[in-house]
């Protein structure tokens, strides 16, 4: 089993991890109610997707 000969420095370790960051969610405005929603998803406020009522909501 292979073991490292030297300890990895904090700079080397953190440089490698620099791409492991969280990305923000892409939001668009709903065509029906103009509330922000995640793209390619049913609007959680009005229940519309591509100008069609998909789910019933209590709003």
N, C-alpha and C. Protein backbone atom coordinates (compact mmCIF):
# COMPACT_ATOMS: atom_id res chain seq x y z
N UNK A 1 0.84 -1.17 0.00
CA UNK A 1 0.00 0.00 0.00
C UNK A 1 0.89 1.24 0.00
N UNK A 2 0.60 2.17 -0.90
CA UNK A 2 1.44 3.36 -1.05
C UNK A 2 1.11 4.38 0.03
N UNK A 3 2.16 5.00 0.57
CA UNK A 3 2.02 6.06 1.56
C UNK A 3 2.78 7.29 1.09
N UNK A 4 2.23 8.48 1.37
CA UNK A 4 2.94 9.69 0.95
C UNK A 4 4.23 9.88 1.74
N UNK A 5 5.29 10.31 1.05
CA UNK A 5 6.57 10.53 1.72
C UNK A 5 6.59 11.84 2.50
N UNK A 6 5.88 12.85 1.98
CA UNK A 6 5.85 14.16 2.64
C UNK A 6 4.41 14.59 2.84
N UNK A 7 4.22 15.43 3.81
CA UNK A 7 2.89 15.96 4.09
C UNK A 7 2.53 17.00 3.02
N UNK A 8 1.27 17.00 2.57
CA UNK A 8 0.81 17.98 1.60
C UNK A 8 0.60 19.31 2.30
N UNK A 9 1.18 20.37 1.75
CA UNK A 9 1.08 21.69 2.38
C UNK A 9 -0.35 22.23 2.25
N UNK A 10 -0.68 23.18 3.10
CA UNK A 10 -2.01 23.79 3.06
C UNK A 10 -2.26 24.49 1.74
N UNK A 11 -1.25 25.12 1.19
CA UNK A 11 -1.41 25.83 -0.08
C UNK A 11 -1.72 24.84 -1.21
N UNK A 12 -0.99 23.74 -1.27
CA UNK A 12 -1.22 22.73 -2.31
C UNK A 12 -2.61 22.11 -2.16
N UNK A 13 -2.99 21.79 -0.93
CA UNK A 13 -4.29 21.19 -0.66
C UNK A 13 -5.42 22.15 -1.03
N UNK A 14 -5.32 23.42 -0.62
CA UNK A 14 -6.38 24.38 -0.88
C UNK A 14 -6.45 24.77 -2.35
N UNK A 15 -5.33 24.77 -3.05
CA UNK A 15 -5.34 25.04 -4.48
C UNK A 15 -6.09 23.95 -5.24
N UNK A 16 -5.91 22.75 -4.81
CA UNK A 16 -6.61 21.63 -5.44
C UNK A 16 -8.11 21.71 -5.19
N UNK A 17 -8.50 22.21 -4.04
CA UNK A 17 -9.91 22.30 -3.68
C UNK A 17 -10.58 23.59 -4.16
N UNK A 18 -9.88 24.42 -4.88
CA UNK A 18 -10.42 25.73 -5.24
C UNK A 18 -11.63 25.63 -6.17
N UNK A 19 -11.80 24.52 -6.87
CA UNK A 19 -12.93 24.37 -7.80
C UNK A 19 -14.12 23.70 -7.14
N UNK A 20 -14.04 23.35 -5.87
CA UNK A 20 -15.12 22.65 -5.18
C UNK A 20 -16.05 23.64 -4.49
N UNK A 21 -16.51 24.62 -5.19
CA UNK A 21 -17.37 25.63 -4.59
C UNK A 21 -18.81 25.42 -5.05
N UNK A 22 -19.73 25.94 -4.28
CA UNK A 22 -21.14 25.83 -4.62
C UNK A 22 -21.49 26.86 -5.70
N UNK A 23 -22.38 26.48 -6.58
CA UNK A 23 -22.82 27.39 -7.63
C UNK A 23 -24.25 27.85 -7.34
N UNK A 24 -24.60 29.02 -7.78
CA UNK A 24 -25.95 29.54 -7.54
C UNK A 24 -26.93 28.91 -8.52
N UNK A 25 -28.19 28.87 -8.11
CA UNK A 25 -29.25 28.28 -8.92
C UNK A 25 -29.70 29.30 -9.95
N UNK A 26 -29.87 28.86 -11.20
CA UNK A 26 -30.30 29.73 -12.27
C UNK A 26 -31.81 29.94 -12.17
N UNK A 27 -32.24 31.16 -11.94
CA UNK A 27 -33.67 31.46 -11.82
C UNK A 27 -34.13 32.33 -12.98
N UNK A 28 -35.38 32.13 -13.37
CA UNK A 28 -36.03 32.93 -14.41
C UNK A 28 -37.40 33.34 -13.88
N UNK A 29 -38.05 34.28 -14.56
CA UNK A 29 -39.37 34.70 -14.16
C UNK A 29 -40.43 33.82 -14.80
N UNK A 30 -41.42 33.44 -14.02
CA UNK A 30 -42.54 32.64 -14.53
C UNK A 30 -43.33 33.47 -15.53
N UNK A 31 -43.74 32.85 -16.63
CA UNK A 31 -44.51 33.56 -17.66
C UNK A 31 -45.92 33.89 -17.19
N UNK A 32 -46.43 33.14 -16.24
CA UNK A 32 -47.80 33.34 -15.79
C UNK A 32 -47.91 34.35 -14.65
N UNK A 33 -47.09 34.18 -13.59
CA UNK A 33 -47.24 35.02 -12.40
C UNK A 33 -46.06 35.96 -12.16
N UNK A 34 -45.03 35.89 -12.97
CA UNK A 34 -43.85 36.76 -12.89
C UNK A 34 -43.06 36.61 -11.58
N UNK A 35 -43.19 35.48 -10.91
CA UNK A 35 -42.38 35.19 -9.73
C UNK A 35 -41.15 34.40 -10.15
N UNK A 36 -40.03 34.55 -9.44
CA UNK A 36 -38.83 33.80 -9.82
C UNK A 36 -39.02 32.31 -9.57
N UNK A 37 -38.52 31.50 -10.50
CA UNK A 37 -38.58 30.05 -10.38
C UNK A 37 -37.32 29.45 -10.99
N UNK A 38 -37.03 28.21 -10.67
CA UNK A 38 -35.88 27.52 -11.26
C UNK A 38 -36.24 27.17 -12.69
N UNK A 39 -35.31 27.39 -13.63
CA UNK A 39 -35.60 27.15 -15.04
C UNK A 39 -35.86 25.66 -15.29
N UNK A 40 -36.75 25.37 -16.21
CA UNK A 40 -37.15 24.02 -16.60
C UNK A 40 -37.82 23.26 -15.46
N UNK A 41 -38.50 23.98 -14.57
CA UNK A 41 -39.23 23.37 -13.47
C UNK A 41 -40.62 24.01 -13.39
N UNK A 42 -41.54 23.31 -12.75
CA UNK A 42 -42.87 23.85 -12.54
C UNK A 42 -42.78 24.98 -11.52
N UNK A 43 -43.52 26.04 -11.75
CA UNK A 43 -43.54 27.17 -10.82
C UNK A 43 -44.20 26.72 -9.52
N UNK A 44 -43.52 26.91 -8.41
CA UNK A 44 -44.06 26.47 -7.13
C UNK A 44 -45.16 27.40 -6.62
N UNK A 45 -45.26 28.58 -7.18
CA UNK A 45 -46.26 29.54 -6.73
C UNK A 45 -47.60 29.33 -7.44
N UNK A 46 -47.58 29.25 -8.77
CA UNK A 46 -48.85 29.14 -9.50
C UNK A 46 -49.09 27.76 -10.12
N UNK A 47 -48.06 26.92 -10.23
CA UNK A 47 -48.24 25.56 -10.76
C UNK A 47 -48.23 25.46 -12.27
N UNK A 48 -47.76 26.50 -12.96
CA UNK A 48 -47.72 26.48 -14.42
C UNK A 48 -46.35 26.06 -14.93
N UNK A 49 -46.35 25.40 -16.08
CA UNK A 49 -45.12 25.07 -16.79
C UNK A 49 -45.42 25.17 -18.28
N UNK A 50 -44.70 26.01 -18.98
CA UNK A 50 -44.90 26.26 -20.41
C UNK A 50 -46.36 26.60 -20.72
N UNK A 51 -46.88 27.58 -20.01
CA UNK A 51 -48.23 28.12 -20.22
C UNK A 51 -49.35 27.10 -19.95
N UNK A 52 -49.08 26.00 -19.26
CA UNK A 52 -50.11 25.02 -18.93
C UNK A 52 -50.16 24.82 -17.42
N UNK A 53 -51.37 24.66 -16.90
CA UNK A 53 -51.55 24.37 -15.48
C UNK A 53 -51.21 22.90 -15.25
N UNK A 54 -50.13 22.65 -14.50
CA UNK A 54 -49.65 21.29 -14.31
C UNK A 54 -50.07 20.74 -12.95
N UNK A 55 -49.97 21.56 -11.90
CA UNK A 55 -50.35 21.12 -10.57
C UNK A 55 -51.28 22.16 -9.95
N UNK A 56 -52.15 21.69 -9.07
CA UNK A 56 -53.05 22.58 -8.35
C UNK A 56 -52.32 23.16 -7.15
N UNK A 57 -52.42 24.48 -6.95
CA UNK A 57 -51.82 25.13 -5.80
C UNK A 57 -52.89 25.88 -5.03
N UNK A 58 -52.62 26.18 -3.78
CA UNK A 58 -53.56 26.90 -2.94
C UNK A 58 -53.37 28.40 -3.00
N UNK A 59 -52.48 28.90 -3.82
CA UNK A 59 -52.21 30.32 -3.88
C UNK A 59 -53.33 30.96 -4.59
